[in-house]
Amino acid sequence: MNEPHVSTPLNGRRILLTRAKHDDAIARALRTAGAQVDALALTVSTPLDSAQLDAARTRLADGGYAWVVFSSWRAAWAVVSGLPRARLLGTRIAAVGEATARWISDHTGVSADMTGAGSAVALLECFPAPASGARPVLIPRSAAAPDTLPDGLRSLGWSVEAVDAYTTTPADAADIPDDIAGSFPAGHYDAAVLTASSQARAIAPLLGMPPPSTRIVTIGAPTAATARRQGIAVATQASSPTPDAIVRALIDALDRPAQADAPEERDS
């Protein structure tokens, strides 16, 4: 009896995935498609502790916000203890993407009331306008986060409290494995997946500029824009942050001529 055919469109391709998570769904999907995957986080996130964040936690647990909006699991982690009580008091929960919504559900037992398609812009497109006298919106976030979410919500009429919950800094170059540090600039990777703007900013200082033979795939338009501002050519961006979409984007990128995309000028 013949074995069933298993499609491995990335067979033999060496891919650098710029994040390292236990049992990562993206890494698993890439390996299932036949790729050799090296997962490496190029940044380190550090929780912050401030009077403003403490006050936001207390107000959240007391039901003082109409909505709390998260763009990452790290932002949710910063206020996780208050979420179940806040939900009971009427606070609604929004997540920019499915992975963040899943983390919230797994760690608090409450489900997001609204989940975006993986970007702040997509979430804003479906976010409601406030009723008269509505409580404000809380956004715990990275200290380096752009103002897309708070500005967009304010334009809808919401009062917004954006609070820095963690910082993201480049990893220590000494912590980069020698094999990756040597292989990347030598062009031994067929592609690299940049998972966030912070990874796009960190890759050149830590590993060097991607060589022409290495296709760059990004998750989301903001990450693509950040990469281009660093002078990095982007082959394509995934249509969504899902594993299947990232596999499809890599297949598409590897079918194209190398470095077909012209980078923007670097920031001065």
Protein backbone atom coordinates (compact mmCIF):
# COMPACT_ATOMS: atom_id res chain seq x y z
CA MET A 1 0.00 0.00 0.00
CA ASN A 2 1.40 3.41 -0.97
CA GLU A 3 2.01 6.00 1.71
CA PRO A 4 -0.23 9.08 1.39
CA HIS A 5 1.47 12.02 -0.29
CA VAL A 6 2.47 14.80 2.09
CA SER A 7 3.10 18.20 0.52
CA THR A 8 6.40 19.74 1.62
CA PRO A 9 6.69 22.90 -0.50
CA LEU A 10 9.54 24.25 1.65
CA ASN A 11 11.53 21.02 1.57
CA GLY A 12 15.21 21.68 2.19
CA ARG A 13 14.77 25.41 2.74
CA ARG A 14 16.57 26.92 5.72
CA ILE A 15 14.43 29.55 7.46
CA LEU A 16 15.29 31.94 10.29
CA LEU A 17 12.23 32.67 12.45
CA THR A 18 12.84 35.72 14.62
CA ARG A 19 11.04 34.56 17.72
CA ALA A 20 11.54 31.65 20.09
CA LYS A 21 8.44 30.26 21.81
CA HIS A 22 7.82 26.84 23.30
CA ASP A 23 5.91 24.65 20.83
CA ASP A 24 5.62 27.58 18.41
CA ALA A 25 2.77 27.09 15.92
CA ILE A 26 4.59 28.99 13.17
CA ALA A 27 7.78 26.97 13.56
CA ARG A 28 5.72 23.78 13.61
CA ALA A 29 3.91 24.73 10.38
CA LEU A 30 7.19 25.57 8.65
CA ARG A 31 8.72 22.24 9.64
CA THR A 32 5.60 20.40 8.49
CA ALA A 33 6.07 22.12 5.12
CA GLY A 34 9.60 20.70 4.99
CA ALA A 35 11.68 23.65 6.14
CA GLN A 36 14.68 23.55 8.43
CA VAL A 37 13.81 26.20 11.03
CA ASP A 38 16.11 28.08 13.38
CA ALA A 39 14.06 30.08 15.90
CA LEU A 40 15.81 33.02 17.52
CA ALA A 41 14.33 35.99 19.37
CA LEU A 42 16.36 39.09 18.55
CA THR A 43 14.87 41.12 21.39
CA VAL A 44 14.29 40.81 25.12
CA SER A 45 11.12 42.07 26.80
CA THR A 46 11.27 43.37 30.37
CA PRO A 47 8.15 44.11 32.47
CA LEU A 48 7.85 47.63 33.81
CA ASP A 49 6.64 48.68 37.24
CA SER A 50 5.27 52.18 37.67
CA ALA A 51 2.71 54.09 39.70
CA GLN A 52 0.72 54.67 36.50
CA LEU A 53 0.58 50.95 35.74
CA ASP A 54 -0.35 50.11 39.34
CA ALA A 55 -3.17 52.66 39.21
CA ALA A 56 -4.39 51.21 35.91
CA ARG A 57 -4.43 47.69 37.39
CA THR A 58 -6.51 48.89 40.33
CA ARG A 59 -8.93 50.82 38.15
CA LEU A 60 -9.28 47.84 35.79
CA ALA A 61 -10.10 45.45 38.64
CA ASP A 62 -12.69 47.96 39.87
CA GLY A 63 -14.44 48.03 36.48
CA GLY A 64 -13.25 51.54 35.67
CA TYR A 65 -12.76 50.98 31.94
CA ALA A 66 -15.27 50.31 29.17
CA TRP A 67 -12.67 48.35 27.20
CA VAL A 68 -9.15 47.06 27.69
CA VAL A 69 -7.28 46.56 24.41
CA PHE A 70 -4.23 44.30 23.96
CA SER A 71 -1.80 44.06 21.06
CA SER A 72 0.31 41.26 22.59
CA TRP A 73 0.26 38.62 25.29
CA ARG A 74 2.95 40.57 27.16
CA ALA A 75 0.58 43.51 27.47
CA ALA A 76 -2.15 41.20 28.77
CA TRP A 77 0.26 39.59 31.24
CA ALA A 78 0.87 43.00 32.83
CA VAL A 79 -2.76 43.24 34.04
CA VAL A 80 -3.81 39.58 33.91
CA SER A 81 -4.84 39.29 37.56
CA GLY A 82 -7.55 41.92 37.19
CA LEU A 83 -9.19 40.67 34.00
CA PRO A 84 -11.73 38.18 35.42
CA ARG A 85 -13.09 40.71 37.95
CA ALA A 86 -13.09 43.49 35.33
CA ARG A 87 -15.16 41.30 33.03
CA LEU A 88 -17.70 40.68 35.79
CA LEU A 89 -17.98 44.46 36.25
CA GLY A 90 -18.68 45.05 32.57
CA THR A 91 -15.28 45.78 31.05
CA ARG A 92 -14.97 44.36 27.54
CA ILE A 93 -11.78 42.88 26.15
CA ALA A 94 -10.29 43.39 22.68
CA ALA A 95 -7.24 41.67 21.18
CA VAL A 96 -5.44 42.77 18.04
CA GLY A 97 -4.93 39.17 16.91
CA GLU A 98 -5.95 35.57 17.50
CA ALA A 99 -2.75 34.58 19.32
CA THR A 100 -3.26 37.29 21.94
CA ALA A 101 -6.94 36.39 22.33
CA ARG A 102 -5.99 32.74 22.81
CA TRP A 103 -3.41 33.62 25.46
CA ILE A 104 -5.98 35.66 27.38
CA SER A 105 -8.48 32.81 27.28
CA ASP A 106 -5.89 30.22 28.33
CA HIS A 107 -4.58 32.28 31.26
CA THR A 108 -7.73 33.96 32.59
CA GLY A 109 -10.63 31.79 31.49
CA VAL A 110 -12.33 34.77 29.83
CA SER A 111 -12.72 35.26 26.09
CA ALA A 112 -12.05 38.41 24.12
CA ASP A 113 -15.19 40.26 23.06
CA MET A 114 -13.46 41.44 19.90
CA THR A 115 -10.50 40.00 18.00
CA GLY A 116 -8.86 41.85 15.14
CA ALA A 117 -7.28 40.40 12.03
CA GLY A 118 -3.74 40.85 13.34
CA SER A 119 -3.15 44.59 13.14
CA ALA A 120 -4.19 47.73 14.98
CA VAL A 121 -5.68 49.13 11.78
CA ALA A 122 -7.87 46.05 11.30
CA LEU A 123 -9.11 46.23 14.89
CA LEU A 124 -9.94 49.92 14.56
CA GLU A 125 -12.05 49.19 11.48
CA CYS A 126 -14.50 47.17 13.57
CA PHE A 127 -14.24 48.99 16.91
CA PRO A 128 -17.48 50.69 18.01
CA ALA A 129 -17.89 54.37 18.78
CA PRO A 130 -18.50 55.21 22.44
CA ALA A 131 -21.90 55.86 23.93
CA SER A 132 -22.45 59.15 25.70
CA GLY A 133 -20.67 59.16 29.05
CA ALA A 134 -18.74 55.96 28.33
CA ARG A 135 -15.87 54.94 30.58
CA PRO A 136 -12.39 55.22 29.02
CA VAL A 137 -10.35 52.58 27.19
CA LEU A 138 -7.18 51.12 28.72
CA ILE A 139 -4.27 50.11 26.47
CA PRO A 140 -1.37 48.42 28.29
CA ARG A 141 1.46 48.33 25.76
CA SER A 142 5.14 48.26 24.92
CA ALA A 143 7.03 51.44 25.68
CA ALA A 144 8.10 51.43 22.02
CA ALA A 145 4.61 50.90 20.59
CA PRO A 146 3.41 53.33 17.92
CA ASP A 147 0.36 55.45 18.65
CA THR A 148 -1.82 53.82 16.00
CA LEU A 149 -4.25 52.29 18.50
CA PRO A 150 -4.67 55.19 20.95
CA ASP A 151 -4.86 57.78 18.17
CA GLY A 152 -7.36 55.68 16.23
CA LEU A 153 -9.58 55.17 19.27
CA ARG A 154 -9.47 58.85 20.12
CA SER A 155 -10.56 59.65 16.57
CA LEU A 156 -13.61 57.45 17.21
CA GLY A 157 -14.44 59.57 20.24
CA TRP A 158 -13.00 57.44 23.05
CA SER A 159 -11.06 58.71 26.04
CA VAL A 160 -7.90 56.57 26.06
CA GLU A 161 -5.38 55.71 28.76
CA ALA A 162 -2.24 54.19 27.18
CA VAL A 163 0.13 52.80 29.80
CA ASP A 164 3.63 51.42 29.22
CA ALA A 165 3.71 47.85 30.56
CA TYR A 166 7.05 46.53 29.24
CA THR A 167 10.13 47.50 27.29
CA THR A 168 11.64 45.69 24.33
CA THR A 169 15.39 45.92 23.75
CA PRO A 170 17.79 44.12 21.39
CA ALA A 171 19.21 40.84 22.64
CA ASP A 172 22.84 40.66 23.69
CA ALA A 173 25.05 39.83 20.71
CA ALA A 174 26.94 37.39 22.94
CA ASP A 175 23.76 35.32 23.26
CA ILE A 176 23.43 34.74 19.50
CA PRO A 177 24.43 31.14 18.66
CA ASP A 178 27.65 31.00 16.65
CA ASP A 179 26.06 28.91 13.91
CA ILE A 180 23.35 31.50 13.25
CA ALA A 181 25.74 34.44 13.62
CA GLY A 182 28.00 32.92 10.96
CA SER A 183 25.36 31.45 8.66
CA PHE A 184 23.11 34.50 8.27
CA PRO A 185 25.56 37.01 6.77
CA ALA A 186 27.07 34.23 4.65
CA GLY A 187 23.73 33.73 2.89
CA HIS A 188 23.07 30.23 4.22
CA TYR A 189 19.41 31.04 4.97
CA ASP A 190 16.90 30.94 2.15
CA ALA A 191 14.56 33.28 4.05
CA ALA A 192 14.01 35.06 7.34
CA VAL A 193 10.65 35.83 8.91
CA LEU A 194 10.49 39.14 10.78
CA THR A 195 7.67 38.78 13.29
CA ALA A 196 7.49 42.35 14.63
CA SER A 197 8.93 45.82 14.12
CA SER A 198 11.29 45.30 17.06
CA GLN A 199 12.78 42.27 15.29
CA ALA A 200 13.13 44.26 12.07
CA ARG A 201 15.10 46.94 13.92
CA ALA A 202 17.32 44.41 15.69
CA ILE A 203 18.30 42.06 12.86
CA ALA A 204 20.97 44.19 11.16
CA PRO A 205 22.78 45.27 14.36
CA LEU A 206 22.87 41.68 15.64
CA LEU A 207 23.31 39.60 12.46
CA GLY A 208 24.22 42.07 9.73
CA MET A 209 22.17 43.17 6.75
CA PRO A 210 20.36 40.30 5.04
CA PRO A 211 22.35 39.16 2.00
CA PRO A 212 20.64 39.35 -1.42
CA SER A 213 20.03 35.59 -1.47
CA THR A 214 17.96 35.66 1.75
CA ARG A 215 14.30 36.56 1.18
CA ILE A 216 12.72 38.65 3.92
CA VAL A 217 9.10 37.95 4.85
CA THR A 218 7.30 40.10 7.41
CA ILE A 219 4.22 39.64 9.54
CA GLY A 220 2.15 42.76 8.98
CA ALA A 221 2.53 46.03 7.12
CA PRO A 222 4.05 47.93 10.09
CA THR A 223 6.88 45.39 10.31
CA ALA A 224 7.44 45.63 6.55
CA ALA A 225 7.59 49.43 6.76
CA THR A 226 10.06 49.28 9.66
CA ALA A 227 12.28 46.83 7.78
CA ARG A 228 12.35 49.05 4.71
CA ARG A 229 13.28 52.05 6.82
CA GLN A 230 16.31 50.06 8.00
CA GLY A 231 17.30 49.58 4.37
CA ILE A 232 16.11 45.96 4.27
CA ALA A 233 14.42 44.70 1.11
CA VAL A 234 11.14 42.91 1.85
CA ALA A 235 10.13 40.14 -0.54
CA THR A 236 6.56 39.91 0.74
CA GLN A 237 4.42 40.22 3.85
CA ALA A 238 2.08 37.56 5.18
CA SER A 239 -1.60 38.33 4.61
CA SER A 240 -2.31 37.51 8.27
CA PRO A 241 -0.25 36.40 11.30
CA THR A 242 -1.44 32.79 11.03
CA PRO A 243 0.96 29.89 10.43
CA ASP A 244 -0.71 28.97 7.11
CA ALA A 245 -0.45 32.54 5.82
CA ILE A 246 3.23 32.70 6.76
CA VAL A 247 3.94 29.41 4.97
CA ARG A 248 2.16 30.75 1.87
CA ALA A 249 4.13 34.01 2.05
CA LEU A 250 7.42 32.11 2.22
CA ILE A 251 6.49 29.94 -0.75
CA ASP A 252 5.61 33.09 -2.69
CA ALA A 253 8.81 34.88 -1.67
CA LEU A 254 11.03 31.95 -2.59
CA ASP A 255 9.42 31.79 -6.02
CA ARG A 256 10.48 35.38 -6.73
CA PRO A 257 13.84 36.74 -7.86
CA ALA A 258 16.03 37.61 -4.90
CA GLN A 259 15.79 41.16 -3.51
CA ALA A 260 13.07 42.21 -5.96
CA ASP A 261 11.80 44.83 -3.51
CA ALA A 262 13.58 48.15 -3.21
CA PRO A 263 14.10 49.25 0.39
CA GLU A 264 13.28 52.74 1.56
CA GLU A 265 16.06 55.08 2.55
CA ARG A 266 17.36 54.53 6.06
CA ASP A 267 16.34 56.82 8.88
CA SER A 268 18.88 59.57 9.33
